[in-house]
Amino acid sequence: MSRDTMVLLVQVSYLVAATLFLLGLQRMASPRTARSGIQWAGAGMLIATFATLFVPGLANVGLMLLAIALGTVLAWISGKRVAITDMPQMVALYNGLGGGSAAAIGAVELLRWNALAATMPFVMPVQPLVRTLAVAGALIGAIALSGSVIAWAKLDGRMDKRYVFPGQQALNLVVFAAAAVLGAWVANALGIPAIVAFFAAALLVGVMMTLPIGGADMPVVISLYNALTGIAVAFEGYVLGNEALIIAGTMVGAAGLLLTRLMAKAMNRSIRSVLFSSFGASGSVQAIEGAQTSTEAADVAAMMAYAERVVIVPGYGMAVAQAQHKIWELSQRLIERGVKVRFAIHPVAGRMPGHMNVLLAEAGVPYDLIVDMDDINPEFATTDVSLVIGANDVVNPVAKTDPASPIYGMPILDVVESRHAIVIKRGAGAGFAGIENALFYAPNTRMLYGDGAEMAGALVAELKALDGAH
């Protein structure tokens, strides 16, 4: 087979892969087709990877195959073992690895050009645009790598939620400016010391940019770093002349930016405020009057059994307790009694976009029972019982009533408007944003203290007892 024919086949394979990427992304827009969308996109990546091995003149194929085999085995094992509650951490790490890969490509190319320049000291070996994109991709990829690692550490509880000190944003700006200046220097003069300093500064930018961001903003941060990774991959794809990387990176970058915007909008916050403001630091927040009123599983079960409409609001606490299966069993028993049950999902519930949807899908909850915030909010006023399990900040009414609150202006689920609100919670602690929840003190709210799975199981048992009594 001639070289030209081989190049043509590789390019056709990339076109097929790009089509599968696009179709897969489109199918991921709906929970009903998301699984097949991931499979389609995975098939596209497999085709693109296989086709790349046949690029004429490709070197180190053996090392590439070894790396692919190791990566596949490690990803398979980690993917099988990771708990559903740790999925956000895994996504953050994998996203960081994507950014790190783009940065590594940039580093290899810069070092290779540096070696070529040593043999031709008065001739720059590549075009200015290629050098600029290599440096830009390396900078963005390195920021995504180190920033994602810090996001992982925060989500995994290995690091305090926020690190803030006076003059922090000014220092961050200085470090970023230093990285940009070093990048410009590297793009025009190369040199090993400058390349090393450039990458050190770029990695430091990602760390310092993420340290002051609170856990409540992590869904937005993960989306943003996902977008940065895609952009970095697209830039390095141009440097390598690899169409598959350009297309895949552009899609990931565009989708990530759109998702970041949607997530920020769901919190009524701009991207700038997420990155550069101190979310969680508030002034004179209004004091919450009253006390939390506890209840028992038997009373809650009776209340729900004779209700007409019940809305269940899941949060990260449900994921920690692994209570989604018991909650669905509870819902099925209520539905059998003629109760209309729906699940209300806030866009930033959990620790990553779509976290609650994944949990409920795993438990077998039908998609038509899962309702987004904008659609369910008008229905709370006519809801007999709202059951909140593990959610906190996304149902806190101070977001609408207290201008001094750090979450003021964030759209919330209007659980407080229900006739009765039941909150399953381990204790009386604050949410991930670090503030008290006024819903827990509302006169129509009762607290069912205990582990989420145990309390859901107790409610199921009480419902069975009620059915047996009849």
Protein backbone atom coordinates (compact mmCIF):
# COMPACT_ATOMS: atom_id res chain seq x y z
CA MET A 1 0.00 0.00 0.00
CA SER A 2 1.41 3.39 -1.01
CA ARG A 3 2.17 6.14 1.48
CA ASP A 4 -0.50 8.41 -0.03
CA THR A 5 -3.14 5.68 0.27
CA MET A 6 -2.19 5.08 3.87
CA VAL A 7 -2.44 8.78 4.69
CA LEU A 8 -5.87 8.91 3.03
CA LEU A 9 -7.13 5.92 5.04
CA VAL A 10 -5.89 7.48 8.27
CA GLN A 11 -7.66 10.75 7.47
CA VAL A 12 -10.89 8.92 6.59
CA SER A 13 -10.65 7.05 9.90
CA TYR A 14 -10.27 10.37 11.70
CA LEU A 15 -13.40 11.65 9.91
CA VAL A 16 -15.35 8.58 11.03
CA ALA A 17 -14.04 9.03 14.58
CA ALA A 18 -15.02 12.71 14.58
CA THR A 19 -18.52 11.79 13.43
CA LEU A 20 -18.83 9.28 16.25
CA PHE A 21 -17.56 11.89 18.73
CA LEU A 22 -20.22 14.34 17.57
CA LEU A 23 -23.05 11.79 17.58
CA GLY A 24 -21.96 10.47 20.97
CA LEU A 25 -21.90 13.98 22.42
CA GLN A 26 -25.37 14.65 21.04
CA ARG A 27 -26.72 11.44 22.60
CA MET A 28 -25.23 12.36 25.96
CA ALA A 29 -27.69 15.25 26.12
CA SER A 30 -30.43 12.88 27.33
CA PRO A 31 -30.25 10.41 30.23
CA ARG A 32 -32.09 7.87 28.08
CA THR A 33 -29.36 7.79 25.43
CA ALA A 34 -26.31 8.87 27.45
CA ARG A 35 -24.98 5.34 27.89
CA SER A 36 -25.02 4.63 24.16
CA GLY A 37 -23.54 8.09 23.54
CA ILE A 38 -20.53 7.20 25.68
CA GLN A 39 -20.20 3.92 23.79
CA TRP A 40 -20.32 5.69 20.42
CA ALA A 41 -17.71 8.24 21.48
CA GLY A 42 -15.56 5.42 22.89
CA ALA A 43 -15.75 3.59 19.58
CA GLY A 44 -14.65 6.79 17.85
CA MET A 45 -11.65 7.11 20.16
CA LEU A 46 -10.75 3.46 19.52
CA ILE A 47 -10.85 4.04 15.76
CA ALA A 48 -8.76 7.21 16.04
CA THR A 49 -6.17 5.51 18.24
CA PHE A 50 -5.92 2.47 15.96
CA ALA A 51 -5.62 4.65 12.85
CA THR A 52 -2.83 6.72 14.41
CA LEU A 53 -0.67 3.60 14.69
CA PHE A 54 -0.59 3.46 10.87
CA VAL A 55 0.55 7.05 10.31
CA PRO A 56 3.55 6.81 7.92
CA GLY A 57 6.87 7.43 9.67
CA LEU A 58 5.45 6.99 13.18
CA ALA A 59 8.16 6.05 15.69
CA ASN A 60 8.13 4.30 19.08
CA VAL A 61 5.03 2.25 18.26
CA GLY A 62 6.07 -0.39 20.80
CA LEU A 63 6.21 2.18 23.61
CA MET A 64 2.85 3.57 22.53
CA LEU A 65 1.23 0.12 22.65
CA LEU A 66 2.76 -0.49 26.08
CA ALA A 67 1.41 2.84 27.37
CA ILE A 68 -2.04 2.10 25.92
CA ALA A 69 -2.07 -1.35 27.55
CA LEU A 70 -1.01 0.00 30.94
CA GLY A 71 -3.50 2.86 30.78
CA THR A 72 -6.32 0.51 29.81
CA VAL A 73 -5.62 -1.92 32.65
CA LEU A 74 -5.28 0.82 35.27
CA ALA A 75 -8.42 2.61 34.08
CA TRP A 76 -10.41 -0.64 34.02
CA ILE A 77 -9.37 -1.56 37.56
CA SER A 78 -9.90 1.91 39.00
CA GLY A 79 -13.22 2.31 37.19
CA LYS A 80 -14.50 -0.97 38.61
CA ARG A 81 -13.36 -0.23 42.14
CA VAL A 82 -14.30 3.43 42.54
CA ALA A 83 -17.37 4.06 44.65
CA ILE A 84 -20.16 6.15 43.17
CA THR A 85 -19.49 8.76 45.88
CA ASP A 86 -15.90 9.06 44.65
CA MET A 87 -16.86 9.55 41.01
CA PRO A 88 -16.27 13.34 41.11
CA GLN A 89 -12.75 12.76 42.41
CA MET A 90 -12.07 10.27 39.62
CA VAL A 91 -13.41 12.66 37.00
CA ALA A 92 -11.18 15.44 38.37
CA LEU A 93 -8.11 13.18 38.23
CA TYR A 94 -8.83 11.86 34.74
CA ASN A 95 -9.46 15.37 33.53
CA GLY A 96 -6.16 16.45 35.05
CA LEU A 97 -4.40 13.60 33.26
CA GLY A 98 -5.81 14.87 29.97
CA GLY A 99 -4.40 18.32 30.64
CA GLY A 100 -1.12 16.76 31.74
CA SER A 101 -0.93 14.79 28.51
CA ALA A 102 -1.33 17.97 26.48
CA ALA A 103 1.35 19.65 28.58
CA ALA A 104 3.64 16.65 28.06
CA ILE A 105 3.19 16.88 24.29
CA GLY A 106 4.15 20.53 24.45
CA ALA A 107 7.18 19.72 26.61
CA VAL A 108 8.41 17.01 24.23
CA GLU A 109 8.03 19.27 21.22
CA LEU A 110 9.81 22.17 22.94
CA LEU A 111 12.68 19.92 23.96
CA ARG A 112 12.91 18.48 20.45
CA TRP A 113 12.99 21.95 18.91
CA ASN A 114 15.59 22.96 21.46
CA ALA A 115 17.80 20.07 20.32
CA LEU A 116 17.33 21.04 16.68
CA ALA A 117 18.13 24.66 17.44
CA ALA A 118 21.41 23.57 19.01
CA THR A 119 22.53 22.20 15.64
CA MET A 120 21.25 25.28 13.77
CA PRO A 121 21.80 28.19 16.18
CA PHE A 122 20.64 30.90 13.77
CA VAL A 123 17.53 29.12 12.44
CA MET A 124 14.31 28.59 14.42
CA PRO A 125 13.18 25.06 13.47
CA VAL A 126 9.39 25.70 13.37
CA GLN A 127 6.91 28.39 12.38
CA PRO A 128 5.88 31.06 14.93
CA LEU A 129 2.22 29.93 15.01
CA VAL A 130 3.20 26.34 15.79
CA ARG A 131 5.55 27.49 18.56
CA THR A 132 2.88 29.77 20.01
CA LEU A 133 0.24 27.02 20.05
CA ALA A 134 2.68 24.55 21.59
CA VAL A 135 3.43 26.94 24.44
CA ALA A 136 -0.24 27.95 24.87
CA GLY A 137 -1.36 24.31 24.97
CA ALA A 138 1.38 23.45 27.44
CA LEU A 139 0.44 26.39 29.68
CA ILE A 140 -3.28 25.59 29.67
CA GLY A 141 -2.69 21.85 30.07
CA ALA A 142 -0.33 22.33 33.02
CA ILE A 143 -2.84 24.63 34.74
CA ALA A 144 -5.61 22.06 34.20
CA LEU A 145 -3.36 19.29 35.58
CA SER A 146 -2.32 20.93 38.83
CA GLY A 147 -5.70 22.63 39.33
CA SER A 148 -7.52 19.31 38.88
CA VAL A 149 -5.24 17.63 41.42
CA ILE A 150 -6.11 20.31 43.99
CA ALA A 151 -9.81 19.92 43.12
CA TRP A 152 -9.45 16.16 43.67
CA ALA A 153 -7.80 16.72 47.05
CA LYS A 154 -10.62 19.04 48.14
CA LEU A 155 -13.37 16.72 46.94
CA ASP A 156 -11.66 13.75 48.61
CA GLY A 157 -11.38 15.53 51.95
CA ARG A 158 -7.57 15.53 51.88
CA MET A 159 -7.37 19.31 51.91
CA ASP A 160 -9.25 22.06 53.71
CA LYS A 161 -11.97 23.63 51.60
CA ARG A 162 -10.29 26.99 51.05
CA TYR A 163 -6.91 28.66 51.57
CA VAL A 164 -7.20 32.44 51.57
CA PHE A 165 -4.70 35.14 52.53
CA PRO A 166 -4.39 38.90 51.93
CA GLY A 167 -3.15 39.86 48.48
CA GLN A 168 -3.73 36.37 47.15
CA GLN A 169 -5.29 37.38 43.85
CA ALA A 170 -2.52 39.91 43.20
CA LEU A 171 0.09 37.20 43.81
CA ASN A 172 -1.79 34.81 41.52
CA LEU A 173 -1.73 37.46 38.81
CA VAL A 174 2.03 37.91 39.23
CA VAL A 175 2.63 34.16 38.96
CA PHE A 176 0.44 33.92 35.86
CA ALA A 177 2.23 36.88 34.30
CA ALA A 178 5.57 35.20 35.03
CA ALA A 179 4.35 32.00 33.36
CA ALA A 180 3.17 33.98 30.32
CA VAL A 181 6.48 35.87 30.04
CA LEU A 182 8.44 32.63 30.34
CA GLY A 183 6.17 31.09 27.72
CA ALA A 184 6.85 33.96 25.32
CA TRP A 185 10.57 33.60 25.99
CA VAL A 186 10.45 29.84 25.38
CA ALA A 187 8.48 30.29 22.15
CA ASN A 188 11.15 32.58 20.74
CA ALA A 189 14.43 31.52 22.34
CA LEU A 190 13.97 28.00 23.76
CA GLY A 191 16.60 26.81 26.26
CA ILE A 192 16.27 24.04 28.87
CA PRO A 193 16.31 26.30 31.98
CA ALA A 194 13.58 28.52 30.53
CA ILE A 195 11.46 25.50 29.57
CA VAL A 196 11.73 24.05 33.08
CA ALA A 197 10.92 27.41 34.71
CA PHE A 198 7.96 27.86 32.37
CA PHE A 199 6.37 24.54 33.33
CA ALA A 200 7.05 25.10 37.03
CA ALA A 201 5.29 28.47 36.87
CA ALA A 202 2.38 27.02 34.86
CA LEU A 203 1.83 24.23 37.39
CA LEU A 204 2.00 26.75 40.21
CA VAL A 205 -0.72 28.85 38.55
CA GLY A 206 -3.14 25.90 38.63
CA VAL A 207 -2.42 25.22 42.29
CA MET A 208 -2.76 28.83 43.43
CA MET A 209 -5.85 29.43 41.31
CA THR A 210 -7.70 26.50 42.90
CA LEU A 211 -6.62 26.86 46.53
CA PRO A 212 -9.01 29.73 47.42
CA ILE A 213 -12.04 28.19 45.68
CA GLY A 214 -14.58 26.68 48.06
CA GLY A 215 -16.11 23.23 47.75
CA ALA A 216 -19.50 24.65 46.80
CA ASP A 217 -17.97 25.90 43.54
CA MET A 218 -16.29 22.59 42.65
CA PRO A 219 -18.88 21.55 40.02
CA VAL A 220 -18.11 24.76 38.11
CA VAL A 221 -14.36 24.33 38.58
CA ILE A 222 -14.41 20.74 37.30
CA SER A 223 -16.32 21.86 34.20
CA LEU A 224 -13.88 24.72 33.62
CA TYR A 225 -10.80 22.52 33.87
CA ASN A 226 -12.49 20.05 31.54
CA ALA A 227 -12.85 22.86 29.01
CA LEU A 228 -9.23 23.93 29.47
CA THR A 229 -8.07 20.37 28.89
CA GLY A 230 -9.99 20.23 25.62
CA ILE A 231 -8.52 23.52 24.43
CA ALA A 232 -4.99 22.37 25.32
CA VAL A 233 -5.48 19.10 23.43
CA ALA A 234 -6.76 20.96 20.37
CA PHE A 235 -3.73 23.28 20.37
CA GLU A 236 -1.28 20.40 20.68
CA GLY A 237 -3.18 18.51 17.99
CA TYR A 238 -2.41 21.38 15.62
CA VAL A 239 1.25 21.25 16.67
CA LEU A 240 1.40 17.53 15.86
CA GLY A 241 -0.70 17.87 12.72
CA ASN A 242 -3.20 15.34 14.15
CA GLU A 243 -6.75 16.02 13.00
CA ALA A 244 -8.31 13.66 15.56
CA LEU A 245 -6.79 15.58 18.47
CA ILE A 246 -7.89 18.90 16.99
CA ILE A 247 -11.48 17.74 16.54
CA ALA A 248 -11.78 15.90 19.87
CA GLY A 249 -10.13 18.73 21.78
CA THR A 250 -12.34 21.35 20.18
CA MET A 251 -15.49 19.39 21.04
CA VAL A 252 -14.41 18.85 24.64
CA GLY A 253 -13.40 22.49 25.00
CA ALA A 254 -16.65 23.82 23.53
CA ALA A 255 -18.83 21.44 25.55
CA GLY A 256 -16.87 22.19 28.71
CA LEU A 257 -17.19 25.94 28.28
CA LEU A 258 -20.93 25.65 27.66
CA LEU A 259 -21.36 23.40 30.70
CA THR A 260 -19.29 25.78 32.83
CA ARG A 261 -21.51 28.66 31.82
CA LEU A 262 -24.67 26.67 32.57
CA MET A 263 -23.36 25.55 35.97
CA ALA A 264 -22.33 29.08 36.92
CA LYS A 265 -25.74 30.35 35.83
CA ALA A 266 -27.40 27.70 38.02
CA MET A 267 -25.54 29.21 40.98
CA ASN A 268 -26.21 32.79 39.86
CA ARG A 269 -22.47 33.40 39.74
CA SER A 270 -20.12 34.53 37.00
CA ILE A 271 -17.00 32.55 36.10
CA ARG A 272 -14.98 35.52 37.31
CA SER A 273 -16.61 35.40 40.75
CA VAL A 274 -15.98 31.66 41.01
CA LEU A 275 -12.29 32.08 40.28
CA PHE A 276 -11.53 35.38 41.96
CA SER A 277 -14.00 35.95 44.79
CA SER A 278 -14.14 34.42 48.24
CA PHE A 279 -17.27 32.30 48.13
CA GLY A 280 -18.28 31.39 51.66
CA ALA A 281 -16.88 34.53 53.28
CA SER A 282 -19.79 36.63 54.38
CA GLY A 283 -20.45 39.66 56.50
CA SER A 284 -23.20 40.02 59.08
CA VAL A 285 -25.43 37.11 58.12
CA GLN A 286 -28.96 37.19 59.53
CA ALA A 287 -29.35 35.06 62.64
CA ILE A 288 -31.69 32.10 62.30
CA GLU A 289 -34.32 32.04 65.01
CA GLY A 290 -36.03 29.01 66.47
CA ALA A 291 -34.88 25.43 66.87
CA GLN A 292 -34.79 22.29 64.80
CA THR A 293 -37.70 19.94 65.47
CA SER A 294 -37.05 16.23 65.29
CA THR A 295 -39.48 13.49 64.31
CA GLU A 296 -39.65 9.70 64.07
CA ALA A 297 -39.76 7.35 61.09
CA ALA A 298 -43.26 6.10 61.97
CA ASP A 299 -44.71 9.61 61.85
CA VAL A 300 -42.98 10.41 58.56
CA ALA A 301 -44.11 7.15 56.97
CA ALA A 302 -47.73 7.83 57.91
CA MET A 303 -47.49 11.39 56.62
CA MET A 304 -46.13 10.21 53.25
CA ALA A 305 -48.46 7.23 52.96
CA TYR A 306 -51.55 9.44 53.07
CA ALA A 307 -50.14 12.24 50.94
CA GLU A 308 -51.20 12.94 47.37
CA ARG A 309 -47.90 14.43 46.18
CA VAL A 310 -44.39 13.67 47.46
CA VAL A 311 -41.19 15.23 46.14
CA ILE A 312 -37.83 13.66 47.01
CA VAL A 313 -34.76 15.93 46.95
CA PRO A 314 -31.48 13.97 46.86
CA GLY A 315 -28.06 15.42 47.66
CA TYR A 316 -24.49 14.36 48.27
CA GLY A 317 -25.43 12.91 51.65
CA MET A 318 -27.54 10.30 49.85
CA ALA A 319 -24.48 9.32 47.84
CA VAL A 320 -22.35 9.03 50.98
CA ALA A 321 -24.96 6.85 52.67
CA GLN A 322 -25.53 4.81 49.49
CA ALA A 323 -29.23 5.27 50.15
CA GLN A 324 -30.47 5.59 46.57
CA HIS A 325 -31.70 1.98 46.37
CA LYS A 326 -33.67 2.22 49.62
CA ILE A 327 -35.09 5.59 48.57
CA TRP A 328 -36.30 4.06 45.30
CA GLU A 329 -37.83 1.13 47.22
CA LEU A 330 -39.60 3.68 49.42
CA SER A 331 -40.82 5.52 46.33
CA GLN A 332 -42.15 2.32 44.76
CA ARG A 333 -44.20 1.56 47.87
CA LEU A 334 -45.64 5.07 47.84
CA ILE A 335 -46.47 4.80 44.13
CA GLU A 336 -48.25 1.49 44.78
CA ARG A 337 -50.42 3.36 47.28
CA GLY A 338 -51.35 5.91 44.62
CA VAL A 339 -49.01 8.67 45.78
CA LYS A 340 -47.54 10.81 43.01
CA VAL A 341 -43.76 10.75 43.57
CA ARG A 342 -41.18 12.86 41.79
CA PHE A 343 -37.46 13.50 42.26
CA ALA A 344 -36.24 17.12 42.22
CA ILE A 345 -32.71 17.72 40.93
CA HIS A 346 -30.75 20.92 41.43
CA PRO A 347 -28.14 21.54 38.67
CA VAL A 348 -25.26 21.64 41.18
CA ALA A 349 -26.50 18.99 43.62
CA GLY A 350 -23.65 16.69 44.60
CA ARG A 351 -20.04 17.26 43.67
CA MET A 352 -20.21 17.31 39.88
CA PRO A 353 -22.72 17.99 37.09
CA GLY A 354 -25.28 15.19 36.81
CA HIS A 355 -24.09 13.45 39.98
CA MET A 356 -27.61 12.87 41.34
CA ASN A 357 -28.93 11.73 37.95
CA VAL A 358 -26.24 9.03 37.84
CA LEU A 359 -27.08 7.86 41.37
CA LEU A 360 -30.79 7.62 40.66
CA ALA A 361 -30.22 5.88 37.32
CA GLU A 362 -28.04 3.33 39.12
CA ALA A 363 -30.92 2.61 41.49
CA GLY A 364 -33.33 2.14 38.56
CA VAL A 365 -35.42 5.30 38.97
CA PRO A 366 -37.33 5.95 35.71
CA TYR A 367 -36.23 9.09 33.89
CA ASP A 368 -39.75 10.49 33.72
CA LEU A 369 -39.84 10.78 37.53
CA ILE A 370 -36.72 12.94 37.62
CA VAL A 371 -37.48 16.66 37.25
CA ASP A 372 -35.12 19.63 36.91
CA MET A 373 -35.26 22.61 39.27
CA ASP A 374 -37.03 25.03 36.93
CA ASP A 375 -39.82 22.54 36.23
CA ILE A 376 -40.37 21.33 39.80
CA ASN A 377 -40.20 24.64 41.68
CA PRO A 378 -43.75 25.78 40.76
CA GLU A 379 -45.07 22.47 42.15
CA PHE A 380 -43.70 22.72 45.70
CA ALA A 381 -46.57 24.94 46.85
CA THR A 382 -49.00 22.09 46.12
CA THR A 383 -46.72 19.32 47.41
CA ASP A 384 -47.86 17.58 50.58
CA VAL A 385 -44.45 16.24 51.66
CA SER A 386 -40.94 17.04 50.45
CA LEU A 387 -38.31 14.56 51.60
CA VAL A 388 -34.78 15.98 51.60
CA ILE A 389 -32.01 13.41 51.92
CA GLY A 390 -28.46 14.69 52.03
CA ALA A 391 -29.12 18.02 50.30
CA ASN A 392 -28.29 21.25 52.10
CA ASP A 393 -27.20 24.44 50.36
CA VAL A 394 -29.41 23.84 47.31
CA VAL A 395 -32.56 24.00 49.49
CA ASN A 396 -31.48 26.84 51.80
CA PRO A 397 -34.04 29.68 51.63
CA VAL A 398 -31.52 32.31 52.79
CA ALA A 399 -30.40 32.32 49.15
CA LYS A 400 -33.56 34.37 48.56
CA THR A 401 -33.93 36.22 51.85
CA ASP A 402 -30.50 37.23 53.18
CA PRO A 403 -28.38 39.57 51.00
CA ALA A 404 -25.44 39.04 53.40
CA SER A 405 -25.39 35.30 52.79
CA PRO A 406 -22.63 33.99 50.52
CA ILE A 407 -25.23 31.99 48.57
CA TYR A 408 -27.61 34.93 48.14
CA GLY A 409 -29.00 34.95 44.61
CA MET A 410 -28.29 31.29 43.94
CA PRO A 411 -31.40 29.58 42.54
CA ILE A 412 -32.63 26.92 44.97
CA LEU A 413 -35.26 24.22 45.19
CA ASP A 414 -38.24 25.82 46.95
CA VAL A 415 -38.72 22.99 49.43
CA VAL A 416 -39.68 25.46 52.16
CA GLU A 417 -42.94 26.16 50.30
CA SER A 418 -44.12 22.55 50.73
CA ARG A 419 -46.86 21.82 53.24
CA HIS A 420 -44.44 19.57 55.12
CA ALA A 421 -40.68 19.21 54.69
CA ILE A 422 -38.81 16.21 56.11
CA VAL A 423 -35.01 16.35 56.22
CA ILE A 424 -32.97 13.18 56.70
CA LYS A 425 -29.62 14.24 58.12
CA ARG A 426 -26.95 12.78 60.38
CA GLY A 427 -26.72 15.88 62.57
CA ALA A 428 -27.28 19.60 62.74
CA GLY A 429 -24.11 20.62 60.89
CA ALA A 430 -23.81 23.21 58.10
CA GLY A 431 -23.63 22.40 54.40
CA PHE A 432 -20.65 22.38 52.03
CA ALA A 433 -20.79 26.17 51.77
CA GLY A 434 -20.28 26.33 55.53
CA ILE A 435 -23.51 28.16 56.48
CA GLU A 436 -26.61 27.28 58.48
CA ASN A 437 -29.73 26.20 56.62
CA ALA A 438 -32.87 28.17 57.48
CA LEU A 439 -35.04 25.36 56.07
CA PHE A 440 -34.11 23.18 59.05
CA TYR A 441 -35.61 25.78 61.41
CA ALA A 442 -38.80 26.42 59.43
CA PRO A 443 -42.09 25.69 61.26
CA ASN A 444 -43.17 23.19 58.57
CA THR A 445 -39.88 21.24 58.71
CA ARG A 446 -39.15 18.12 60.74
CA MET A 447 -35.68 16.59 61.09
CA LEU A 448 -35.30 12.81 60.84
CA TYR A 449 -31.83 12.35 62.29
CA GLY A 450 -29.74 9.34 61.28
CA ASP A 451 -27.89 7.62 58.47
CA GLY A 452 -29.63 8.10 55.13
CA ALA A 453 -29.81 4.42 54.20
CA GLU A 454 -30.93 3.39 57.70
CA MET A 455 -33.66 6.02 57.84
CA ALA A 456 -34.87 5.14 54.34
CA GLY A 457 -34.97 1.50 55.41
CA ALA A 458 -36.91 2.44 58.53
CA LEU A 459 -39.45 4.34 56.41
CA VAL A 460 -39.86 1.31 54.14
CA ALA A 461 -40.42 -0.91 57.18
CA GLU A 462 -43.03 1.49 58.58
CA LEU A 463 -44.84 1.58 55.25
CA LYS A 464 -44.90 -2.21 55.19
CA ALA A 465 -46.40 -2.16 58.68
CA LEU A 466 -49.08 0.28 57.53
CA ASP A 467 -49.89 -1.93 54.55
CA GLY A 468 -50.08 -4.95 56.83
CA ALA A 469 -52.44 -3.16 59.18
CA HIS A 470 -54.84 -2.72 56.30
